[in-house]
Amino acid sequence: MINEYKIMYIPPSGTTAYCQHTWVTHVDDTCVGHIHMQVEANETIKFLDAWVHEDHRRKGVFRSLWDSRWNYVQREYLGYNVYAWCKPASLPLLLEKGFEGGDTCTYVQKRVTAKGKIPFEQCFVSC
């Protein structure tokens, strides 16, 4: 069976403080990938996260989503500056598209807890 990928554009809702655009790739009414961008102040656009379902990776889904978003930006936002944070696997595509590399950034995380206390230990709930 050959999958027929379709891309749907979802415009900003206007209900949030920022202007986020979304593109969704779907097959048989099931989302198999998505990509986002956010319009910021001073004619700036931030390219946000992308995701492709593991069963559909290495089939051109990410590139199709990226190209759909880029074509939209070129039509609607001439003269704007675009920036993105990307994972090492996505960097070659961005460099291919003419983006300039910046500093390397590493993701870190930590759960916030009070020193010496179990989280939520002091919570009082009254019904």
C-alpha atoms as a PDB file:
ATOM      1  CA  MET A   1       0.000   0.000   0.000  1.00  0.00           C
ATOM      2  CA  ILE A   2       1.332   3.440  -0.942  1.00  0.00           C
ATOM      3  CA  ASN A   3       0.588   6.178   1.593  1.00  0.00           C
ATOM      4  CA  GLU A   4      -0.793   9.385   0.169  1.00  0.00           C
ATOM      5  CA  TYR A   5       0.406  12.230   2.356  1.00  0.00           C
ATOM      6  CA  LYS A   6      -1.656  15.403   2.506  1.00  0.00           C
ATOM      7  CA  ILE A   7      -0.681  18.638   4.228  1.00  0.00           C
ATOM      8  CA  MET A   8      -3.235  20.871   5.912  1.00  0.00           C
ATOM      9  CA  TYR A   9      -2.540  24.464   6.987  1.00  0.00           C
ATOM     10  CA  ILE A  10      -4.012  25.671  10.285  1.00  0.00           C
ATOM     11  CA  PRO A  11      -3.961  29.480  10.650  1.00  0.00           C
ATOM     12  CA  PRO A  12      -3.575  31.269  13.989  1.00  0.00           C
ATOM     13  CA  SER A  13      -6.673  31.166  16.154  1.00  0.00           C
ATOM     14  CA  GLY A  14      -6.410  34.754  17.316  1.00  0.00           C
ATOM     15  CA  THR A  15      -7.181  33.626  20.854  1.00  0.00           C
ATOM     16  CA  THR A  16      -3.626  33.745  22.181  1.00  0.00           C
ATOM     17  CA  ALA A  17      -1.077  36.474  22.719  1.00  0.00           C
ATOM     18  CA  TYR A  18       1.112  35.159  19.911  1.00  0.00           C
ATOM     19  CA  CYS A  19       0.511  34.303  16.285  1.00  0.00           C
ATOM     20  CA  GLN A  20       1.240  30.595  15.697  1.00  0.00           C
ATOM     21  CA  HIS A  21       0.801  28.880  12.340  1.00  0.00           C
ATOM     22  CA  THR A  22       0.673  25.084  11.955  1.00  0.00           C
ATOM     23  CA  TRP A  23       0.998  22.588   9.110  1.00  0.00           C
ATOM     24  CA  VAL A  24      -0.155  18.999   9.631  1.00  0.00           C
ATOM     25  CA  THR A  25       0.618  15.991   7.460  1.00  0.00           C
ATOM     26  CA  HIS A  26      -2.100  13.368   7.545  1.00  0.00           C
ATOM     27  CA  VAL A  27      -2.845   9.985   6.024  1.00  0.00           C
ATOM     28  CA  ASP A  28      -6.345   8.538   6.165  1.00  0.00           C
ATOM     29  CA  ASP A  29      -7.400  11.294   8.623  1.00  0.00           C
ATOM     30  CA  THR A  30      -4.542  10.466  11.009  1.00  0.00           C
ATOM     31  CA  CYS A  31      -1.851  13.016  11.857  1.00  0.00           C
ATOM     32  CA  VAL A  32       1.598  11.651  10.987  1.00  0.00           C
ATOM     33  CA  GLY A  33       3.548  14.907  11.338  1.00  0.00           C
ATOM     34  CA  HIS A  34       3.357  18.604  12.148  1.00  0.00           C
ATOM     35  CA  ILE A  35       5.464  21.756  12.015  1.00  0.00           C
ATOM     36  CA  HIS A  36       4.903  25.234  13.476  1.00  0.00           C
ATOM     37  CA  MET A  37       6.033  28.845  13.287  1.00  0.00           C
ATOM     38  CA  GLN A  38       5.386  31.900  15.407  1.00  0.00           C
ATOM     39  CA  VAL A  39       5.245  35.502  14.179  1.00  0.00           C
ATOM     40  CA  GLU A  40       7.027  37.785  16.642  1.00  0.00           C
ATOM     41  CA  ALA A  41       7.586  41.530  16.967  1.00  0.00           C
ATOM     42  CA  ASN A  42       9.938  43.522  14.731  1.00  0.00           C
ATOM     43  CA  GLU A  43       9.239  41.493  11.577  1.00  0.00           C
ATOM     44  CA  THR A  44      10.671  38.309  13.058  1.00  0.00           C
ATOM     45  CA  ILE A  45       9.499  34.723  12.641  1.00  0.00           C
ATOM     46  CA  LYS A  46      10.520  31.857  14.888  1.00  0.00           C
ATOM     47  CA  PHE A  47      10.412  28.395  13.359  1.00  0.00           C
ATOM     48  CA  LEU A  48       9.142  26.089  16.090  1.00  0.00           C
ATOM     49  CA  ASP A  49       9.119  22.361  16.661  1.00  0.00           C
ATOM     50  CA  ALA A  50       8.389  19.655  14.159  1.00  0.00           C
ATOM     51  CA  TRP A  51       7.420  16.031  14.700  1.00  0.00           C
ATOM     52  CA  VAL A  52       6.976  13.013  12.416  1.00  0.00           C
ATOM     53  CA  HIS A  53       5.499   9.716  13.596  1.00  0.00           C
ATOM     54  CA  GLU A  54       8.205   7.049  13.747  1.00  0.00           C
ATOM     55  CA  ASP A  55       6.399   4.859  11.172  1.00  0.00           C
ATOM     56  CA  HIS A  56       6.582   7.689   8.621  1.00  0.00           C
ATOM     57  CA  ARG A  57      10.132   8.931   9.126  1.00  0.00           C
ATOM     58  CA  ARG A  58      12.685   8.863   6.284  1.00  0.00           C
ATOM     59  CA  LYS A  59       9.857   9.210   3.724  1.00  0.00           C
ATOM     60  CA  GLY A  60      10.099  12.948   3.025  1.00  0.00           C
ATOM     61  CA  VAL A  61       7.393  14.039   5.464  1.00  0.00           C
ATOM     62  CA  PHE A  62       9.595  16.480   7.393  1.00  0.00           C
ATOM     63  CA  ARG A  63      10.993  18.021   4.215  1.00  0.00           C
ATOM     64  CA  SER A  64       7.484  18.409   2.747  1.00  0.00           C
ATOM     65  CA  LEU A  65       6.259  20.123   5.905  1.00  0.00           C
ATOM     66  CA  TRP A  66       9.347  22.348   5.997  1.00  0.00           C
ATOM     67  CA  ASP A  67       8.919  23.313   2.322  1.00  0.00           C
ATOM     68  CA  SER A  68       5.212  24.075   2.805  1.00  0.00           C
ATOM     69  CA  ARG A  69       5.999  26.394   5.699  1.00  0.00           C
ATOM     70  CA  TRP A  70       8.887  28.044   3.816  1.00  0.00           C
ATOM     71  CA  ASN A  71       6.757  28.630   0.696  1.00  0.00           C
ATOM     72  CA  TYR A  72       4.107  30.268   2.882  1.00  0.00           C
ATOM     73  CA  VAL A  73       6.709  32.524   4.532  1.00  0.00           C
ATOM     74  CA  GLN A  74       8.118  33.552   1.164  1.00  0.00           C
ATOM     75  CA  ARG A  75       4.623  34.514  -0.050  1.00  0.00           C
ATOM     76  CA  GLU A  76       3.387  36.280   3.088  1.00  0.00           C
ATOM     77  CA  TYR A  77       6.413  37.629   4.976  1.00  0.00           C
ATOM     78  CA  LEU A  78       8.959  39.068   2.525  1.00  0.00           C
ATOM     79  CA  GLY A  79      11.653  41.014   4.350  1.00  0.00           C
ATOM     80  CA  TYR A  80      11.122  39.322   7.726  1.00  0.00           C
ATOM     81  CA  ASN A  81      13.972  37.653   9.625  1.00  0.00           C
ATOM     82  CA  VAL A  82      13.527  33.958  10.417  1.00  0.00           C
ATOM     83  CA  TYR A  83      15.335  32.053  13.162  1.00  0.00           C
ATOM     84  CA  ALA A  84      15.117  28.571  14.642  1.00  0.00           C
ATOM     85  CA  TRP A  85      16.616  26.300  17.241  1.00  0.00           C
ATOM     86  CA  CYS A  86      17.200  22.860  15.764  1.00  0.00           C
ATOM     87  CA  LYS A  87      18.466  19.430  16.625  1.00  0.00           C
ATOM     88  CA  PRO A  88      21.638  18.140  14.937  1.00  0.00           C
ATOM     89  CA  ALA A  89      19.579  15.912  12.616  1.00  0.00           C
ATOM     90  CA  SER A  90      17.669  18.958  11.279  1.00  0.00           C
ATOM     91  CA  LEU A  91      20.699  21.216  10.857  1.00  0.00           C
ATOM     92  CA  PRO A  92      21.757  19.973   7.381  1.00  0.00           C
ATOM     93  CA  LEU A  93      18.358  20.907   5.889  1.00  0.00           C
ATOM     94  CA  LEU A  94      18.467  24.400   7.410  1.00  0.00           C
ATOM     95  CA  LEU A  95      22.020  24.944   6.154  1.00  0.00           C
ATOM     96  CA  GLU A  96      20.944  23.666   2.715  1.00  0.00           C
ATOM     97  CA  LYS A  97      18.162  26.268   2.718  1.00  0.00           C
ATOM     98  CA  GLY A  98      20.657  29.076   3.346  1.00  0.00           C
ATOM     99  CA  PHE A  99      20.414  29.526   7.112  1.00  0.00           C
ATOM    100  CA  GLU A 100      23.621  30.429   8.937  1.00  0.00           C
ATOM    101  CA  GLY A 101      24.754  28.300  11.858  1.00  0.00           C
ATOM    102  CA  GLY A 102      24.963  29.864  15.299  1.00  0.00           C
ATOM    103  CA  ASP A 103      26.112  28.673  18.687  1.00  0.00           C
ATOM    104  CA  THR A 104      25.475  25.141  19.872  1.00  0.00           C
ATOM    105  CA  CYS A 105      22.836  24.724  22.563  1.00  0.00           C
ATOM    106  CA  THR A 106      22.349  21.654  24.755  1.00  0.00           C
ATOM    107  CA  TYR A 107      19.034  20.710  26.353  1.00  0.00           C
ATOM    108  CA  VAL A 108      19.101  20.158  30.105  1.00  0.00           C
ATOM    109  CA  GLN A 109      16.335  19.491  32.616  1.00  0.00           C
ATOM    110  CA  LYS A 110      15.787  19.166  36.359  1.00  0.00           C
ATOM    111  CA  ARG A 111      12.739  18.572  38.504  1.00  0.00           C
ATOM    112  CA  VAL A 112      12.092  21.428  40.934  1.00  0.00           C
ATOM    113  CA  THR A 113      11.846  20.324  44.539  1.00  0.00           C
ATOM    114  CA  ALA A 114      12.220  22.068  47.869  1.00  0.00           C
ATOM    115  CA  LYS A 115      15.517  21.202  49.519  1.00  0.00           C
ATOM    116  CA  GLY A 116      15.035  18.108  51.643  1.00  0.00           C
ATOM    117  CA  LYS A 117      11.277  17.899  51.045  1.00  0.00           C
ATOM    118  CA  ILE A 118       9.147  15.508  49.051  1.00  0.00           C
ATOM    119  CA  PRO A 119       7.243  17.356  46.286  1.00  0.00           C
ATOM    120  CA  PHE A 120       3.729  18.369  47.319  1.00  0.00           C
ATOM    121  CA  GLU A 121       4.363  17.214  50.891  1.00  0.00           C
ATOM    122  CA  GLN A 122       3.145  20.509  52.345  1.00  0.00           C
ATOM    123  CA  CYS A 123       0.039  20.906  50.174  1.00  0.00           C
ATOM    124  CA  PHE A 124      -3.268  21.363  51.971  1.00  0.00           C
ATOM    125  CA  VAL A 125      -6.453  20.810  50.001  1.00  0.00           C
ATOM    126  CA  SER A 126      -9.841  21.813  51.336  1.00  0.00           C
ATOM    127  CA  CYS A 127     -12.985  20.678  49.560  1.00  0.00           C
END
